[in-house]
Amino acid sequence: MEVYLVHHVRHARFLDGRPTQHRDDGGELVWDEQDGDDLKILGIFSSEAAAERVIQRARRRPGFRDEPDCFLVTPYTVDDGDQWADGFVSEPR
């Protein structure tokens, strides 16, 4: 079964005035949580159409409407294996 994850990125503003990059040269959404970008999940939906409907509603809401093109829809297959099979490592700052 395939579902669709909907995320939104609220990009941090640089204090030195540098422009914020929302997408790369290929049009792909970019973010860096270490730079302060905030990646939120809006929900998981059963179809692309349902995902698109929630995006259209969210674009009218505070915060989301400030970055209306920073939504990401990712298809995901349920029960498709362990996504963290190798574990993870935390690195101190």
Protein backbone atom coordinates (compact mmCIF):
# COMPACT_ATOMS: atom_id res chain seq x y z
CA MET A 1 0.00 0.00 0.00
CA GLU A 2 1.34 3.40 -0.95
CA VAL A 3 0.64 6.53 1.09
CA TYR A 4 1.71 10.15 0.59
CA LEU A 5 3.58 12.15 3.23
CA VAL A 6 3.10 15.92 3.09
CA HIS A 7 5.83 18.13 4.56
CA HIS A 8 6.31 21.88 4.67
CA VAL A 9 9.59 23.72 5.11
CA ARG A 10 9.72 27.06 6.88
CA HIS A 11 13.11 28.44 5.89
CA ALA A 12 15.17 30.37 8.42
CA ARG A 13 16.17 33.89 7.50
CA PHE A 14 19.87 34.72 7.50
CA LEU A 15 20.77 37.55 9.87
CA ASP A 16 23.45 38.81 7.48
CA GLY A 17 20.86 39.42 4.76
CA ARG A 18 21.83 36.56 2.46
CA PRO A 19 18.91 35.37 0.36
CA THR A 20 17.15 32.21 1.42
CA GLN A 21 17.38 29.34 -1.05
CA HIS A 22 14.07 27.51 -1.30
CA ARG A 23 14.84 25.25 -4.27
CA ASP A 24 17.96 24.07 -6.05
CA ASP A 25 18.75 24.62 -9.75
CA GLY A 26 16.74 21.51 -10.62
CA GLY A 27 13.66 22.80 -8.79
CA GLU A 28 13.96 20.42 -5.84
CA LEU A 29 13.00 21.76 -2.41
CA VAL A 30 16.05 22.25 -0.17
CA TRP A 31 16.37 22.69 3.59
CA ASP A 32 18.97 22.48 6.32
CA GLU A 33 17.69 21.97 9.83
CA GLN A 34 21.14 22.89 11.22
CA ASP A 35 20.68 26.33 9.65
CA GLY A 36 17.33 26.65 11.43
CA ASP A 37 14.98 25.49 8.68
CA ASP A 38 11.86 23.88 10.16
CA LEU A 39 10.55 20.74 8.44
CA LYS A 40 6.99 19.90 9.50
CA ILE A 41 4.85 16.94 8.54
CA LEU A 42 1.28 17.96 7.76
CA GLY A 43 0.00 14.43 7.47
CA ILE A 44 -0.06 11.11 5.69
CA PHE A 45 -2.68 10.61 3.01
CA SER A 46 -4.10 7.75 0.98
CA SER A 47 -3.80 9.48 -2.40
CA GLU A 48 -1.93 12.26 -4.18
CA ALA A 49 -5.26 14.04 -4.66
CA ALA A 50 -5.90 14.07 -0.89
CA ALA A 51 -2.36 15.34 -0.32
CA GLU A 52 -2.90 18.13 -2.83
CA ARG A 53 -6.18 19.15 -1.16
CA VAL A 54 -4.48 19.59 2.22
CA ILE A 55 -1.73 21.66 0.57
CA GLN A 56 -4.29 23.95 -1.06
CA ARG A 57 -5.99 24.50 2.32
CA ALA A 58 -2.68 25.03 4.14
CA ARG A 59 -1.54 27.67 1.63
CA ARG A 60 -4.25 29.96 3.03
CA ARG A 61 -3.13 29.58 6.66
CA PRO A 62 -0.65 31.74 8.60
CA GLY A 63 2.95 30.62 8.26
CA PHE A 64 2.26 28.29 5.36
CA ARG A 65 1.06 31.14 3.14
CA ASP A 66 4.41 32.90 3.68
CA GLU A 67 6.13 30.05 1.80
CA PRO A 68 3.39 28.60 -0.42
CA ASP A 69 5.80 26.73 -2.69
CA CYS A 70 7.68 24.93 0.07
CA PHE A 71 5.52 21.83 0.29
CA LEU A 72 6.88 18.37 -0.40
CA VAL A 73 4.80 15.28 -1.21
CA THR A 74 6.66 12.00 -0.84
CA PRO A 75 5.18 8.63 -1.77
CA TYR A 76 5.92 5.93 0.78
CA THR A 77 5.21 2.23 0.67
CA VAL A 78 3.81 0.93 3.96
CA ASP A 79 5.61 -2.09 5.47
CA ASP A 80 8.50 -1.72 3.02
CA GLY A 81 11.25 -2.72 5.40
CA ASP A 82 13.17 -1.18 8.22
CA GLN A 83 14.23 2.38 7.34
CA TRP A 84 16.87 2.50 10.11
CA ALA A 85 18.47 -0.91 9.61
CA ASP A 86 21.97 0.45 10.31
CA GLY A 87 20.98 2.50 13.36
CA PHE A 88 22.27 6.04 13.83
CA VAL A 89 24.98 8.04 15.57
CA SER A 90 24.57 11.30 17.49
CA GLU A 91 27.48 13.70 17.19
CA PRO A 92 28.02 16.28 19.93
CA ARG A 93 28.21 19.90 18.80
